[in-house]
Amino acid sequence: MERIHKAKNWIQDKWNQGVALVKKNKGKTAIGLVTVSLFITGTGLANHYYNANSKTLYHVLVDGQEIGSVDHPDLVQQFIDKQIASQQSLHGPLNIEVQNQIEYVEETQRNASAANESTIKALQDKIELKVTAQSLTVDGEAVGYTANKELMNQILEEIKDQYGPLPVAQDKAQTVNAAGAANVEVKFKESVSIEESRINPDKIMTKEELMSLLVKGSVEQMIHTVKPGDCISCIAGQYGITSQDIYRNNPGITEDTLLQLGQDIIVTAARPKLTVQTIEEKEVEEVIHYKIEAQTTETMFRGEQKVIQEGKEGRKRVTYQIIRENGVQTEKKIMEEVILAEAVNKIIQKGSKVKPNRGDGKFTWPTHGGRITSGFGPRWGRTHKGLDIAGVSNRGIKASDNGKVVQAGWNGNYGKSVIIDHGNGYKTLYGHLSSVSVSVGDVVQKGDKIGVMGSTGESTGTHLHFEIIKNGSNTNPMRYFRG
């Protein structure tokens, strides 16, 4: 409005000048001059008004396509500089270049208005920045990027150092790993290479990000096919996960599920991108365990044995080659073995003589001394079927003749007892024992210990009740003793 008001005043001034000129000259010339003056004045006024309401803006073209307009190209350059500075603040000095062709078309319009904000937003989606970076390739696959090769090499060396050798103070020419193995070779199991690559700066990783990816890996879903011997916890341990992880990934499987051979199970586990393989040589001194050598002899019965030479352990120095992957042993083999001291075998003689299970009918006294406290025959209104022997110097009870044990243990009124079948129509019974030393089926020889005198069953005191039975009938034992 102010501009229009000034223009109006200017026109009024010119008009007054024209009128004065006409009055002075009173002729056509004056009228013509006024007309020309008015034309010039009108044209100047129009130009002045147009220029006062016009604005210059710049159309922005990215790769030939218009994305909007800005007040000045500096706005676009400032945005690009800001994007580059942001990447450089994260990764250090980088040679970042804009890959797009950016052009500007200047235009002056009446009442024009540039779309700065929407144009910059569109530019953010269109702009493509590229930087020369170092790509880590593992088995042909690019897995991560760093700003420079020095950082990439540093990361790889630090990963190796987690499982690799440590210096030995007393011998700097030798190295050992955490497990004490010497002469350690450290390498990556996978094929690893560093290559130069042109990438978007957003793909560049920090040292911590790339190390985490390489060492811990990314979560991958895999399928495990059930094989003989598999169990839920076994499978979980194999993949470094928990049983609950398997239940969560496989809704049809519970703690009570019986796995089937060939069944597929989803296992989700983190897989490291790199495997550090160490090949170690470890020298250790080990014990050589002695062997037991058995010899047979007919001078002893079967079941009897004695040591005729004690064993002695030997020593040896063994050099192993041990292969580990990420610290876990996967292979171990012997490279060299040196005997330092031979082991001495333990020699045992074992009896081969067969105990006769048939008696000769010459019975011996079943106790160590003693006296008869009750003989064979009538007693208390019934027949006493054997001898009661007491007052011994040793309570051990002996087999009266060769034979086979047919009863051993509790036997009613006899308490704990032993019955021996002598294979010739005779049997002997030993009653009221406090303990039994043989089992049914044992073959015993005359004089072998079969138990201990006691007072079990129907007994009035410590003694042995001894019977001799011939063809099923009890006989007086005193008739058979031959010394």
Protein backbone atom coordinates (compact mmCIF):
# COMPACT_ATOMS: atom_id res chain seq x y z
CA MET A 1 0.00 0.00 0.00
CA GLU A 2 2.88 2.30 0.76
CA ARG A 3 4.34 1.70 -2.71
CA ILE A 4 0.97 2.45 -4.38
CA HIS A 5 0.61 5.65 -2.35
CA LYS A 6 4.06 6.86 -3.46
CA ALA A 7 3.24 6.04 -7.09
CA LYS A 8 -0.02 8.05 -6.84
CA ASN A 9 1.82 11.09 -5.51
CA TRP A 10 4.40 10.80 -8.27
CA ILE A 11 1.67 10.74 -10.95
CA GLN A 12 -0.05 13.75 -9.41
CA ASP A 13 3.22 15.69 -9.54
CA LYS A 14 3.72 14.87 -13.20
CA TRP A 15 0.13 15.83 -14.02
CA ASN A 16 0.49 19.20 -12.40
CA GLN A 17 3.69 19.82 -14.36
CA GLY A 18 1.89 18.99 -17.61
CA VAL A 19 -1.03 21.32 -16.93
CA ALA A 20 1.33 24.17 -16.18
CA LEU A 21 3.15 23.57 -19.45
CA VAL A 22 -0.09 23.68 -21.47
CA LYS A 23 -1.15 26.94 -19.91
CA LYS A 24 2.19 28.45 -20.71
CA ASN A 25 2.40 27.38 -24.36
CA LYS A 26 -1.27 27.23 -25.23
CA GLY A 27 -0.58 25.03 -28.25
CA LYS A 28 -0.55 21.52 -29.69
CA THR A 29 3.04 21.02 -28.93
CA ALA A 30 2.34 21.35 -25.30
CA ILE A 31 -0.55 18.91 -25.53
CA GLY A 32 1.71 16.37 -27.28
CA LEU A 33 4.34 16.75 -24.67
CA VAL A 34 1.81 16.12 -21.96
CA THR A 35 0.61 12.98 -23.76
CA VAL A 36 4.14 11.63 -24.14
CA SER A 37 4.86 12.48 -20.58
CA LEU A 38 1.79 10.63 -19.38
CA PHE A 39 2.71 7.51 -21.47
CA ILE A 40 6.22 7.42 -20.11
CA THR A 41 4.90 7.94 -16.66
CA GLY A 42 2.42 5.04 -16.97
CA THR A 43 5.04 2.66 -18.31
CA GLY A 44 7.46 3.50 -15.54
CA LEU A 45 4.74 3.02 -12.99
CA ALA A 46 3.88 -0.45 -14.33
CA ASN A 47 7.51 -1.58 -14.30
CA HIS A 48 8.00 -0.22 -10.84
CA TYR A 49 4.90 -2.05 -9.57
CA TYR A 50 5.89 -5.39 -11.24
CA ASN A 51 9.41 -5.32 -9.89
CA ALA A 52 8.15 -4.49 -6.44
CA ASN A 53 5.94 -7.67 -6.37
CA SER A 54 8.26 -10.23 -8.12
CA LYS A 55 10.64 -12.85 -6.58
CA THR A 56 13.42 -15.11 -7.92
CA LEU A 57 13.36 -18.82 -6.94
CA TYR A 58 15.31 -21.92 -8.03
CA HIS A 59 13.77 -25.14 -9.27
CA VAL A 60 15.80 -28.13 -8.02
CA LEU A 61 16.33 -31.08 -10.40
CA VAL A 62 17.85 -34.38 -9.18
CA ASP A 63 19.00 -36.64 -12.01
CA GLY A 64 16.80 -34.62 -14.38
CA GLN A 65 13.65 -34.85 -12.24
CA GLU A 66 12.28 -31.78 -10.50
CA ILE A 67 11.69 -32.32 -6.79
CA GLY A 68 10.72 -28.76 -5.76
CA SER A 69 12.06 -25.24 -5.41
CA VAL A 70 14.17 -23.27 -2.95
CA ASP A 71 14.93 -19.65 -2.30
CA HIS A 72 18.61 -20.22 -3.03
CA PRO A 73 20.89 -23.17 -4.01
CA ASP A 74 22.80 -22.62 -0.76
CA LEU A 75 19.93 -24.31 1.10
CA VAL A 76 20.52 -27.53 -0.85
CA GLN A 77 24.27 -27.38 -0.35
CA GLN A 78 23.85 -26.74 3.37
CA PHE A 79 21.66 -29.87 3.66
CA ILE A 80 24.22 -32.00 1.80
CA ASP A 81 27.07 -30.63 3.93
CA LYS A 82 25.09 -31.49 7.07
CA GLN A 83 24.58 -35.09 5.91
CA ILE A 84 28.28 -35.50 5.18
CA ALA A 85 29.29 -33.94 8.52
CA SER A 86 26.97 -36.34 10.37
CA GLN A 87 28.70 -39.38 8.84
CA GLN A 88 32.16 -37.93 9.46
CA SER A 89 31.35 -37.34 13.12
CA LEU A 90 30.67 -41.10 13.48
CA HIS A 91 33.48 -42.54 11.39
CA GLY A 92 36.11 -39.81 11.06
CA PRO A 93 37.26 -38.05 7.89
CA LEU A 94 35.61 -39.69 4.91
CA ASN A 95 35.72 -38.80 1.24
CA ILE A 96 31.95 -38.72 0.75
CA GLU A 97 30.61 -37.80 -2.66
CA VAL A 98 27.13 -37.10 -3.99
CA GLN A 99 26.27 -39.54 -6.74
CA ASN A 100 23.30 -37.61 -8.10
CA GLN A 101 23.36 -34.80 -10.68
CA ILE A 102 21.81 -31.73 -9.08
CA GLU A 103 20.74 -28.80 -11.30
CA TYR A 104 18.99 -25.49 -10.67
CA VAL A 105 16.66 -23.54 -12.98
CA GLU A 106 16.30 -19.88 -12.03
CA GLU A 107 12.88 -18.26 -12.44
CA THR A 108 11.41 -14.88 -11.46
CA GLN A 109 7.67 -14.83 -10.82
CA ARG A 110 5.12 -12.32 -9.54
CA ASN A 111 4.09 -13.27 -5.98
CA ALA A 112 6.33 -16.42 -6.15
CA SER A 113 6.94 -18.61 -3.05
CA ALA A 114 9.62 -21.37 -2.79
CA ALA A 115 8.77 -24.75 -1.13
CA ASN A 116 11.99 -24.99 0.89
CA GLU A 117 10.85 -27.54 3.51
CA SER A 118 9.16 -30.03 1.18
CA THR A 119 12.01 -29.75 -1.31
CA ILE A 120 14.65 -30.58 1.32
CA LYS A 121 12.51 -33.50 2.51
CA ALA A 122 12.24 -34.81 -1.06
CA LEU A 123 15.98 -34.31 -1.48
CA GLN A 124 16.61 -36.47 1.61
CA ASP A 125 14.84 -39.38 -0.11
CA LYS A 126 16.55 -38.82 -3.46
CA ILE A 127 20.09 -37.97 -2.49
CA GLU A 128 22.61 -40.81 -2.74
CA LEU A 129 25.92 -40.47 -0.92
CA LYS A 130 28.81 -42.81 -1.58
CA VAL A 131 32.06 -43.34 0.26
CA THR A 132 35.10 -45.51 -0.37
CA ALA A 133 35.16 -48.04 2.51
CA GLN A 134 36.69 -51.40 3.40
CA SER A 135 34.46 -54.45 2.99
CA LEU A 136 35.02 -57.64 5.03
CA THR A 137 34.18 -60.66 2.91
CA VAL A 138 33.66 -64.04 4.63
CA ASP A 139 33.33 -67.06 2.33
CA GLY A 140 32.39 -64.75 -0.53
CA GLU A 141 29.77 -62.78 1.42
CA ALA A 142 30.23 -59.14 2.47
CA VAL A 143 29.38 -59.06 6.18
CA GLY A 144 30.53 -55.62 7.34
CA TYR A 145 32.25 -52.35 6.46
CA THR A 146 34.73 -50.00 8.13
CA ALA A 147 36.01 -46.57 7.18
CA ASN A 148 39.60 -47.73 6.70
CA LYS A 149 41.69 -50.86 6.31
CA GLU A 150 43.70 -50.24 9.49
CA LEU A 151 40.57 -50.46 11.64
CA MET A 152 39.42 -53.63 9.86
CA ASN A 153 42.79 -55.33 10.46
CA GLN A 154 42.72 -54.22 14.10
CA ILE A 155 39.29 -55.80 14.59
CA LEU A 156 40.40 -59.10 13.04
CA GLU A 157 43.54 -59.24 15.17
CA GLU A 158 41.62 -58.53 18.38
CA ILE A 159 39.21 -61.36 17.58
CA LYS A 160 42.14 -63.73 17.07
CA ASP A 161 43.72 -62.55 20.32
CA GLN A 162 40.67 -63.75 22.27
CA TYR A 163 41.70 -67.35 21.56
CA GLY A 164 45.25 -66.94 20.33
CA PRO A 165 48.72 -67.10 21.90
CA LEU A 166 50.12 -65.20 24.86
CA PRO A 167 53.83 -64.34 25.23
CA VAL A 168 55.95 -66.45 27.57
CA ALA A 169 58.33 -64.31 29.61
CA GLN A 170 61.10 -66.88 29.93
CA ASP A 171 61.14 -67.77 26.26
CA LYS A 172 59.97 -65.03 23.93
CA ALA A 173 60.43 -67.27 20.91
CA GLN A 174 57.62 -69.48 22.15
CA THR A 175 53.95 -68.73 22.64
CA VAL A 176 51.23 -70.43 24.63
CA ASN A 177 47.48 -70.10 24.68
CA ALA A 178 45.17 -69.81 27.67
CA ALA A 179 45.13 -73.61 28.01
CA GLY A 180 48.92 -73.75 28.29
CA ALA A 181 49.58 -75.16 24.83
CA ALA A 182 52.76 -74.09 23.03
CA ASN A 183 53.43 -73.33 19.34
CA VAL A 184 49.94 -72.07 18.64
CA GLU A 185 48.83 -71.35 15.09
CA VAL A 186 45.83 -69.02 14.93
CA LYS A 187 43.73 -68.56 11.81
CA PHE A 188 40.19 -68.10 10.64
CA LYS A 189 38.42 -71.25 9.51
CA GLU A 190 36.53 -69.30 6.87
CA SER A 191 38.01 -67.61 3.80
CA VAL A 192 38.44 -63.96 4.87
CA SER A 193 39.43 -60.99 2.70
CA ILE A 194 39.33 -57.18 2.87
CA GLU A 195 38.25 -55.37 -0.28
CA GLU A 196 37.70 -51.73 -1.22
CA SER A 197 34.07 -50.91 -1.88
CA ARG A 198 31.89 -47.90 -2.73
CA ILE A 199 28.93 -47.91 -0.36
CA ASN A 200 26.34 -45.76 1.33
CA PRO A 201 27.94 -44.22 4.46
CA ASP A 202 25.07 -45.59 6.58
CA LYS A 203 26.52 -49.09 6.07
CA ILE A 204 29.79 -48.24 7.81
CA MET A 205 29.95 -49.90 11.22
CA THR A 206 31.70 -48.87 14.40
CA LYS A 207 34.39 -51.12 15.84
CA GLU A 208 32.05 -52.37 18.57
CA GLU A 209 29.21 -53.11 16.13
CA LEU A 210 31.37 -55.12 13.75
CA MET A 211 33.14 -57.07 16.52
CA SER A 212 29.79 -58.02 18.05
CA LEU A 213 28.50 -59.25 14.70
CA LEU A 214 31.63 -61.27 13.96
CA VAL A 215 31.98 -62.83 17.44
CA LYS A 216 28.37 -63.19 18.61
CA GLY A 217 26.76 -63.41 15.21
CA SER A 218 23.19 -62.88 14.18
CA VAL A 219 20.18 -64.97 15.08
CA GLU A 220 19.35 -67.57 12.46
CA GLN A 221 16.51 -70.07 12.25
CA MET A 222 17.69 -73.58 11.49
CA ILE A 223 16.14 -77.03 11.29
CA HIS A 224 17.46 -79.99 13.30
CA THR A 225 16.44 -83.48 12.20
CA VAL A 226 16.11 -85.91 15.10
CA LYS A 227 18.62 -88.78 15.04
CA PRO A 228 19.19 -91.76 17.37
CA GLY A 229 20.12 -90.72 20.91
CA ASP A 230 18.68 -87.20 20.62
CA CYS A 231 16.80 -85.54 23.46
CA ILE A 232 15.47 -82.00 23.90
CA SER A 233 18.24 -80.91 26.27
CA CYS A 234 20.87 -82.63 24.07
CA ILE A 235 19.68 -80.74 20.99
CA ALA A 236 19.50 -77.46 22.92
CA GLY A 237 23.07 -77.89 24.16
CA GLN A 238 24.29 -78.62 20.63
CA TYR A 239 23.02 -75.25 19.41
CA GLY A 240 23.82 -73.23 22.53
CA ILE A 241 20.18 -72.56 23.40
CA THR A 242 17.82 -73.74 26.17
CA SER A 243 15.09 -76.36 26.20
CA GLN A 244 12.59 -73.53 26.72
CA ASP A 245 13.76 -71.98 23.42
CA ILE A 246 12.87 -75.23 21.65
CA TYR A 247 9.44 -75.43 23.32
CA ARG A 248 8.77 -71.79 22.35
CA ASN A 249 9.76 -72.29 18.70
CA ASN A 250 7.90 -75.62 18.38
CA PRO A 251 4.40 -75.31 19.94
CA GLY A 252 3.68 -79.02 19.43
CA ILE A 253 6.64 -80.12 21.56
CA THR A 254 6.47 -80.29 25.38
CA GLU A 255 8.46 -81.92 28.16
CA ASP A 256 6.37 -85.08 27.69
CA THR A 257 6.82 -85.30 23.91
CA LEU A 258 8.48 -88.47 22.62
CA LEU A 259 10.77 -87.44 19.78
CA GLN A 260 10.55 -89.42 16.55
CA LEU A 261 13.48 -90.30 14.30
CA GLY A 262 13.53 -87.97 11.31
CA GLN A 263 11.36 -85.36 13.05
CA ASP A 264 12.26 -81.75 12.16
CA ILE A 265 12.70 -79.30 15.04
CA ILE A 266 13.11 -75.54 14.66
CA VAL A 267 16.21 -74.31 16.46
CA THR A 268 16.92 -70.59 16.56
CA ALA A 269 20.46 -69.73 17.55
CA ALA A 270 23.05 -66.98 17.18
CA ARG A 271 25.77 -67.92 14.71
CA PRO A 272 29.11 -66.06 14.76
CA LYS A 273 30.28 -64.88 11.36
CA LEU A 274 33.89 -65.87 12.07
CA THR A 275 35.40 -69.02 13.56
CA VAL A 276 38.84 -68.65 15.14
CA GLN A 277 40.68 -71.94 14.70
CA THR A 278 43.73 -72.62 16.84
CA ILE A 279 46.11 -75.48 16.12
CA GLU A 280 48.18 -76.16 19.23
CA GLU A 281 51.02 -78.45 20.21
CA LYS A 282 50.83 -79.36 23.87
CA GLU A 283 53.42 -81.45 25.70
CA VAL A 284 52.31 -83.21 28.88
CA GLU A 285 53.62 -85.94 31.16
CA GLU A 286 51.13 -88.72 31.72
CA VAL A 287 50.84 -91.84 33.85
CA ILE A 288 51.05 -95.24 32.19
CA HIS A 289 48.62 -97.42 34.08
CA TYR A 290 49.85 -100.93 34.74
CA LYS A 291 47.97 -103.92 33.41
CA ILE A 292 46.73 -106.82 35.47
CA GLU A 293 48.09 -110.15 34.32
CA ALA A 294 46.23 -113.22 35.50
CA GLN A 295 47.88 -116.61 35.82
CA THR A 296 46.13 -119.85 36.65
CA THR A 297 47.35 -122.48 39.05
CA GLU A 298 46.01 -125.84 40.10
CA THR A 299 47.44 -125.39 43.56
CA MET A 300 44.40 -123.26 44.49
CA PHE A 301 40.71 -123.83 44.08
CA ARG A 302 38.58 -121.77 41.75
CA GLY A 303 37.57 -118.49 43.35
CA GLU A 304 40.84 -118.27 45.26
CA GLN A 305 43.60 -115.88 44.19
CA LYS A 306 46.75 -114.19 45.41
CA VAL A 307 49.02 -111.37 44.20
CA ILE A 308 52.51 -112.58 43.30
CA GLN A 309 53.74 -109.24 41.86
CA GLU A 310 52.46 -105.76 42.68
CA GLY A 311 51.87 -103.39 39.77
CA LYS A 312 53.77 -100.14 39.30
CA GLU A 313 52.67 -97.19 37.16
CA GLY A 314 54.97 -95.87 34.43
CA ARG A 315 55.41 -92.37 32.95
CA LYS A 316 55.44 -91.00 29.43
CA ARG A 317 55.82 -87.63 27.70
CA VAL A 318 53.14 -87.05 25.08
CA THR A 319 52.91 -84.28 22.47
CA TYR A 320 49.36 -83.63 21.32
CA GLN A 321 48.02 -81.60 18.44
CA ILE A 322 44.82 -79.94 19.64
CA ILE A 323 42.43 -78.12 17.34
CA ARG A 324 39.94 -75.70 18.87
CA GLU A 325 37.22 -73.60 17.27
CA ASN A 326 36.31 -70.46 19.19
CA GLY A 327 37.90 -72.05 22.24
CA VAL A 328 36.02 -75.36 22.01
CA GLN A 329 38.15 -78.46 21.37
CA THR A 330 37.10 -80.27 18.19
CA GLU A 331 40.05 -82.61 17.61
CA LYS A 332 42.98 -84.07 19.55
CA LYS A 333 45.62 -86.45 18.24
CA ILE A 334 48.99 -87.75 19.42
CA MET A 335 51.98 -86.39 17.50
CA GLU A 336 54.77 -87.98 19.59
CA GLU A 337 55.04 -90.27 22.61
CA VAL A 338 58.22 -90.90 24.63
CA ILE A 339 58.32 -93.53 27.40
CA LEU A 340 60.08 -92.20 30.50
CA ALA A 341 59.47 -95.22 32.74
CA GLU A 342 57.87 -98.52 31.81
CA ALA A 343 54.88 -99.73 33.79
CA VAL A 344 55.19 -103.00 35.72
CA ASN A 345 52.26 -105.36 35.41
CA LYS A 346 50.42 -106.64 38.44
CA ILE A 347 50.43 -110.44 38.40
CA ILE A 348 47.66 -112.37 40.10
CA GLN A 349 47.47 -116.13 40.46
CA LYS A 350 43.98 -117.55 40.26
CA GLY A 351 43.09 -121.05 41.29
CA SER A 352 41.87 -123.47 38.64
CA LYS A 353 41.40 -126.49 40.86
CA VAL A 354 37.79 -127.58 40.99
CA LYS A 355 36.36 -128.07 44.43
CA PRO A 356 34.80 -131.51 44.63
CA ASN A 357 31.07 -131.24 45.19
CA ARG A 358 30.88 -134.89 46.18
CA GLY A 359 31.82 -135.92 49.66
CA ASP A 360 33.88 -138.95 50.56
CA GLY A 361 31.62 -139.89 53.48
CA LYS A 362 34.38 -139.19 55.99
CA PHE A 363 32.85 -136.41 58.04
CA THR A 364 34.95 -134.10 60.22
CA TRP A 365 33.99 -132.26 63.38
CA PRO A 366 32.09 -129.06 62.33
CA THR A 367 33.36 -126.79 65.14
CA HIS A 368 36.64 -125.68 66.65
CA GLY A 369 36.62 -128.02 69.62
CA GLY A 370 33.65 -127.81 71.97
CA ARG A 371 31.54 -130.35 73.81
CA ILE A 372 28.25 -132.11 73.17
CA THR A 373 25.53 -130.59 75.32
CA SER A 374 22.72 -132.73 73.88
CA GLY A 375 23.09 -135.96 71.90
CA PHE A 376 21.09 -137.70 69.21
CA GLY A 377 17.91 -139.52 70.33
CA PRO A 378 14.86 -139.08 72.58
CA ARG A 379 14.62 -135.73 74.36
CA TRP A 380 11.70 -133.95 76.02
CA GLY A 381 9.22 -136.44 74.63
CA ARG A 382 10.48 -136.36 71.06
CA THR A 383 13.52 -137.35 69.00
CA HIS A 384 16.47 -134.97 68.95
CA LYS A 385 17.66 -135.32 65.35
CA GLY A 386 21.27 -134.28 65.81
CA LEU A 387 23.97 -133.05 68.15
CA ASP A 388 24.12 -129.79 70.10
CA ILE A 389 27.72 -128.56 70.40
CA ALA A 390 28.85 -125.65 72.62
CA GLY A 391 31.87 -124.37 74.55
CA VAL A 392 34.08 -123.77 71.51
CA SER A 393 37.30 -121.76 71.29
CA ASN A 394 36.28 -120.24 67.92
CA ARG A 395 32.68 -119.80 66.83
CA GLY A 396 33.41 -120.38 63.16
CA ILE A 397 31.44 -123.32 61.69
CA LYS A 398 33.10 -125.63 59.13
CA ALA A 399 31.70 -127.84 56.36
CA SER A 400 31.91 -131.43 57.59
CA ASP A 401 32.51 -132.80 54.07
CA ASN A 402 32.73 -131.66 50.44
CA GLY A 403 29.44 -130.70 48.82
CA LYS A 404 27.08 -128.10 47.40
CA VAL A 405 25.05 -125.62 49.46
CA VAL A 406 21.32 -126.22 48.89
CA GLN A 407 19.95 -124.00 51.68
CA ALA A 408 21.40 -120.88 53.31
CA GLY A 409 19.45 -118.44 55.46
CA TRP A 410 16.42 -118.52 57.74
CA ASN A 411 14.93 -121.97 58.26
CA GLY A 412 12.07 -121.90 60.78
CA ASN A 413 12.91 -123.34 64.21
CA TYR A 414 16.51 -123.84 63.09
CA GLY A 415 16.90 -120.06 62.77
CA LYS A 416 19.71 -119.22 60.38
CA SER A 417 21.00 -122.48 58.95
CA VAL A 418 23.00 -124.08 56.13
CA ILE A 419 22.26 -127.42 54.44
CA ILE A 420 24.96 -129.08 52.32
CA ASP A 421 24.23 -131.86 49.82
CA HIS A 422 27.31 -134.07 49.61
CA GLY A 423 26.23 -135.79 46.39
CA ASN A 424 26.46 -139.29 47.80
CA GLY A 425 23.11 -139.64 49.53
CA TYR A 426 24.23 -137.63 52.54
CA LYS A 427 23.27 -134.12 53.65
CA THR A 428 24.40 -132.15 56.69
CA LEU A 429 22.49 -129.40 58.51
CA TYR A 430 24.01 -126.60 60.61
CA GLY A 431 21.41 -124.70 62.71
CA HIS A 432 20.99 -121.68 65.04
CA LEU A 433 23.83 -119.73 63.31
CA SER A 434 24.29 -116.04 64.05
CA SER A 435 25.44 -115.43 60.45
CA VAL A 436 25.80 -117.38 57.21
CA SER A 437 28.95 -117.13 55.04
CA VAL A 438 27.80 -119.05 51.93
CA SER A 439 25.01 -118.90 49.36
CA VAL A 440 22.86 -121.50 47.67
CA GLY A 441 24.82 -123.04 44.80
CA ASP A 442 28.25 -122.58 46.37
CA VAL A 443 30.55 -125.60 46.27
CA VAL A 444 32.39 -126.03 49.56
CA GLN A 445 35.26 -128.21 50.60
CA LYS A 446 35.61 -130.05 53.82
CA GLY A 447 36.76 -127.56 56.46
CA ASP A 448 35.55 -124.38 54.64
CA LYS A 449 33.91 -121.80 56.87
CA ILE A 450 30.17 -121.64 56.22
CA GLY A 451 28.93 -119.50 59.14
CA VAL A 452 29.22 -118.43 62.79
CA MET A 453 27.73 -120.18 65.84
CA GLY A 454 24.75 -118.39 67.38
CA SER A 455 21.37 -118.76 69.04
CA THR A 456 18.79 -117.94 66.36
CA GLY A 457 15.48 -119.75 65.99
CA GLU A 458 14.21 -122.04 68.77
CA SER A 459 17.34 -122.01 70.94
CA THR A 460 18.14 -121.71 74.65
CA GLY A 461 21.74 -120.53 74.22
CA THR A 462 24.68 -120.19 71.87
CA HIS A 463 25.44 -123.55 70.28
CA LEU A 464 25.47 -125.45 66.97
CA HIS A 465 22.74 -127.93 66.12
CA PHE A 466 24.35 -130.43 63.70
CA GLU A 467 22.56 -133.18 61.75
CA ILE A 468 23.64 -135.88 59.30
CA ILE A 469 20.87 -137.06 56.99
CA LYS A 470 21.28 -140.26 54.95
CA ASN A 471 18.88 -140.82 52.08
CA GLY A 472 16.34 -138.55 53.76
CA SER A 473 16.57 -140.02 57.28
CA ASN A 474 18.44 -138.56 60.23
CA THR A 475 21.21 -140.69 61.69
CA ASN A 476 23.44 -140.34 64.73
CA PRO A 477 26.38 -138.13 63.66
CA MET A 478 28.72 -139.79 66.15
CA ARG A 479 28.75 -142.91 63.95
CA TYR A 480 30.49 -141.05 61.07
CA PHE A 481 33.30 -139.06 62.53
CA ARG A 482 36.66 -140.39 61.51
CA GLY A 483 38.85 -137.81 63.13
